[in-house]
Amino acid sequence: MRSRLLICLCAAVLAGCQSWLMPPRSVRPLAAPLTERHHVEHLLEIDWDQQSQRLHCVLITAEGETRVVALTETGLPVFQLLQTPGNIEINRSPLLPRPVSPDIILADIQLIFWPIDSLRKTLSPPWRLEQHAGSRDLYEGEVLRAHVDYQGKERWSSPATLDNKQYGYRLTVTPLPDATGAAP
């Protein structure tokens, strides 16, 4: 009897440790992958709790598939993500800090780049998305969860800053020049 109780207690503690070690999953729904083709490279700067991480990020959308590859500035992989309709695969490196979840970053990338109608299709109450000149606001009920500021008119090739109020970090997205030196 005592050994069964000890086994149950150990299992409960290990389950608690596993949930403590895992970053939170996105509670807002991800938008569907885009069907139009995009291939862009950006510098992502993630700031949280007086810490910062800079990542080289490649985002590819095509034919109902979204791929995101994030590398350190020295080229080491941090995470890879593949989204297809109804499925998401994430490969995460220990180089990505625990508080940063790739699927939450994908939801934020979508909030920055995806067309407003594509995003609204996946949101149901209490979520709502407002678009203003040069910005977007995502609300859960009356609570602002994320705010995007655009520094140009073209979403795919202009710098943007997203404040994720829900998880307490800022994501700054800066387009990287292509091989010819021109911004994508």
Protein backbone atom coordinates (compact mmCIF):
# COMPACT_ATOMS: atom_id res chain seq x y z
CA MET A 1 0.00 0.00 0.00
CA ARG A 2 2.76 2.38 1.00
CA SER A 3 4.72 1.71 -2.24
CA ARG A 4 1.61 2.42 -4.36
CA LEU A 5 1.12 5.71 -2.58
CA LEU A 6 4.79 6.58 -3.15
CA ILE A 7 4.51 5.71 -6.86
CA CYS A 8 1.36 7.87 -7.22
CA LEU A 9 3.07 10.74 -5.40
CA CYS A 10 6.17 10.49 -7.64
CA ALA A 11 4.00 10.41 -10.77
CA ALA A 12 2.10 13.51 -9.61
CA VAL A 13 5.34 15.36 -8.84
CA LEU A 14 6.86 14.43 -12.21
CA ALA A 15 3.71 15.51 -14.04
CA GLY A 16 3.86 18.82 -12.18
CA CYS A 17 7.52 19.26 -13.10
CA GLN A 18 6.78 18.54 -16.74
CA SER A 19 4.06 21.23 -16.87
CA TRP A 20 6.39 23.62 -15.04
CA LEU A 21 9.17 23.01 -17.57
CA MET A 22 6.96 23.39 -20.64
CA PRO A 23 6.19 26.90 -21.90
CA PRO A 24 2.52 27.87 -22.17
CA ARG A 25 0.77 26.92 -25.41
CA SER A 26 -1.01 29.62 -27.34
CA VAL A 27 -4.57 30.04 -26.12
CA ARG A 28 -5.59 32.09 -29.14
CA PRO A 29 -6.24 30.08 -32.26
CA LEU A 30 -3.69 30.03 -35.03
CA ALA A 31 -4.83 31.30 -38.41
CA ALA A 32 -4.81 28.89 -41.33
CA PRO A 33 -1.66 28.76 -43.45
CA LEU A 34 -1.74 31.13 -46.41
CA THR A 35 -2.12 29.84 -49.95
CA GLU A 36 -0.15 32.71 -51.52
CA ARG A 37 3.62 32.43 -51.76
CA HIS A 38 5.91 34.52 -49.55
CA HIS A 39 9.56 34.01 -48.69
CA VAL A 40 10.96 36.63 -46.32
CA GLU A 41 13.88 36.93 -43.93
CA HIS A 42 13.66 39.08 -40.84
CA LEU A 43 15.61 39.85 -37.74
CA LEU A 44 13.42 39.03 -34.74
CA GLU A 45 14.31 40.68 -31.48
CA ILE A 46 12.48 39.25 -28.48
CA ASP A 47 12.62 41.35 -25.30
CA TRP A 48 11.26 40.10 -21.95
CA ASP A 49 12.13 40.57 -18.28
CA GLN A 50 15.13 42.80 -19.06
CA GLN A 51 16.48 40.10 -21.38
CA SER A 52 16.78 40.10 -25.14
CA GLN A 53 17.38 37.54 -27.86
CA ARG A 54 18.01 38.28 -31.54
CA LEU A 55 17.12 35.66 -34.12
CA HIS A 56 17.49 35.42 -37.89
CA CYS A 57 14.08 34.20 -39.03
CA VAL A 58 13.03 32.77 -42.39
CA LEU A 59 9.26 32.70 -43.04
CA ILE A 60 7.92 30.78 -46.02
CA THR A 61 4.25 30.50 -46.95
CA ALA A 62 3.00 28.54 -49.94
CA GLU A 63 0.10 26.31 -50.91
CA GLY A 64 -1.40 25.95 -47.43
CA GLU A 65 1.86 25.52 -45.58
CA THR A 66 3.76 27.84 -43.24
CA ARG A 67 7.42 27.26 -42.36
CA VAL A 68 9.40 29.26 -39.83
CA VAL A 69 13.08 28.67 -39.16
CA ALA A 70 14.82 30.73 -36.48
CA LEU A 71 18.59 30.81 -36.09
CA THR A 72 20.94 32.54 -33.69
CA GLU A 73 23.10 35.31 -35.10
CA THR A 74 25.88 32.71 -35.44
CA GLY A 75 23.63 30.37 -37.45
CA LEU A 76 22.67 27.79 -34.82
CA PRO A 77 19.06 26.57 -35.11
CA VAL A 78 16.77 27.74 -32.30
CA PHE A 79 13.45 26.40 -33.56
CA GLN A 80 11.79 25.10 -36.68
CA LEU A 81 8.06 25.12 -37.18
CA LEU A 82 5.83 23.66 -39.87
CA GLN A 83 2.12 24.47 -39.97
CA THR A 84 -0.26 22.69 -42.32
CA PRO A 85 -4.06 22.73 -42.14
CA GLY A 86 -4.96 21.18 -38.79
CA ASN A 87 -1.37 20.36 -37.77
CA ILE A 88 1.69 22.06 -36.31
CA GLU A 89 5.12 20.49 -35.85
CA ILE A 90 7.69 22.24 -33.66
CA ASN A 91 11.36 21.36 -33.22
CA ARG A 92 12.78 23.38 -30.37
CA SER A 93 16.42 23.80 -29.34
CA PRO A 94 17.56 24.35 -25.75
CA LEU A 95 18.88 27.70 -27.04
CA LEU A 96 15.32 29.07 -26.99
CA PRO A 97 14.52 30.29 -23.47
CA ARG A 98 11.70 28.37 -21.77
CA PRO A 99 9.35 31.36 -21.49
CA VAL A 100 9.37 31.73 -25.30
CA SER A 101 7.02 29.33 -27.08
CA PRO A 102 7.37 28.89 -30.88
CA ASP A 103 3.62 28.51 -31.45
CA ILE A 104 2.97 31.76 -29.60
CA ILE A 105 5.63 33.40 -31.78
CA LEU A 106 3.84 31.95 -34.84
CA ALA A 107 0.54 33.43 -33.63
CA ASP A 108 2.30 36.79 -33.26
CA ILE A 109 3.95 36.49 -36.69
CA GLN A 110 0.52 35.79 -38.14
CA LEU A 111 -0.91 38.81 -36.31
CA ILE A 112 1.78 40.96 -37.94
CA PHE A 113 1.73 39.59 -41.49
CA TRP A 114 -1.53 37.76 -42.27
CA PRO A 115 -4.42 39.61 -43.94
CA ILE A 116 -6.94 40.87 -41.42
CA ASP A 117 -9.76 38.75 -42.89
CA SER A 118 -7.72 35.54 -42.54
CA LEU A 119 -7.09 36.32 -38.88
CA ARG A 120 -10.71 37.22 -38.13
CA LYS A 121 -11.94 33.91 -39.58
CA THR A 122 -10.24 31.99 -36.76
CA LEU A 123 -11.21 34.31 -33.91
CA SER A 124 -14.41 33.64 -32.02
CA PRO A 125 -15.77 35.53 -29.01
CA PRO A 126 -14.34 36.75 -26.71
CA TRP A 127 -11.48 37.47 -29.18
CA ARG A 128 -11.66 40.47 -31.51
CA LEU A 129 -9.19 42.19 -33.80
CA GLU A 130 -9.19 45.88 -34.65
CA GLN A 131 -7.19 47.44 -37.46
CA HIS A 132 -6.19 51.10 -37.40
CA ALA A 133 -3.96 53.16 -39.69
CA GLY A 134 -0.51 51.72 -39.00
CA SER A 135 -1.51 49.36 -36.17
CA ARG A 136 -3.57 46.38 -35.02
CA ASP A 137 -5.02 45.54 -31.60
CA LEU A 138 -6.04 42.07 -30.45
CA TYR A 139 -8.49 41.89 -27.54
CA GLU A 140 -9.79 39.06 -25.40
CA GLY A 141 -13.05 40.55 -24.21
CA GLU A 142 -12.09 44.04 -23.09
CA VAL A 143 -8.47 43.12 -22.30
CA LEU A 144 -5.80 44.16 -24.82
CA ARG A 145 -3.64 41.06 -25.44
CA ALA A 146 -1.40 42.29 -28.28
CA HIS A 147 -0.65 45.53 -30.09
CA VAL A 148 1.18 45.81 -33.44
CA ASP A 149 2.79 49.02 -34.74
CA TYR A 150 3.83 49.11 -38.40
CA GLN A 151 6.60 51.45 -39.54
CA GLY A 152 5.60 51.29 -43.21
CA LYS A 153 2.63 50.53 -45.44
CA GLU A 154 3.69 47.10 -46.68
CA ARG A 155 3.34 44.44 -43.94
CA TRP A 156 5.76 41.96 -45.54
CA SER A 157 8.67 44.36 -46.05
CA SER A 158 8.34 47.01 -43.32
CA PRO A 159 9.60 46.90 -39.74
CA ALA A 160 6.97 46.19 -37.09
CA THR A 161 6.80 45.93 -33.32
CA LEU A 162 4.39 43.67 -31.47
CA ASP A 163 3.77 44.05 -27.74
CA ASN A 164 2.44 40.75 -26.41
CA LYS A 165 0.68 41.94 -23.27
CA GLN A 166 -0.59 38.45 -22.45
CA TYR A 167 2.88 36.94 -22.06
CA GLY A 168 4.85 40.12 -21.32
CA TYR A 169 7.29 40.38 -24.18
CA ARG A 170 8.01 42.60 -27.17
CA LEU A 171 8.75 41.22 -30.63
CA THR A 172 10.51 43.57 -33.06
CA VAL A 173 10.56 42.42 -36.68
CA THR A 174 13.05 44.04 -39.07
CA PRO A 175 13.33 42.97 -42.73
CA LEU A 176 16.77 41.77 -43.75
CA PRO A 177 18.25 42.81 -47.10
CA ASP A 178 18.35 40.14 -49.76
CA ALA A 179 21.53 39.12 -51.57
CA THR A 180 21.41 42.24 -53.75
CA GLY A 181 21.18 44.51 -50.71
CA ALA A 182 17.57 45.50 -51.32
CA ALA A 183 14.90 44.89 -48.69
CA PRO A 184 12.50 42.07 -49.63
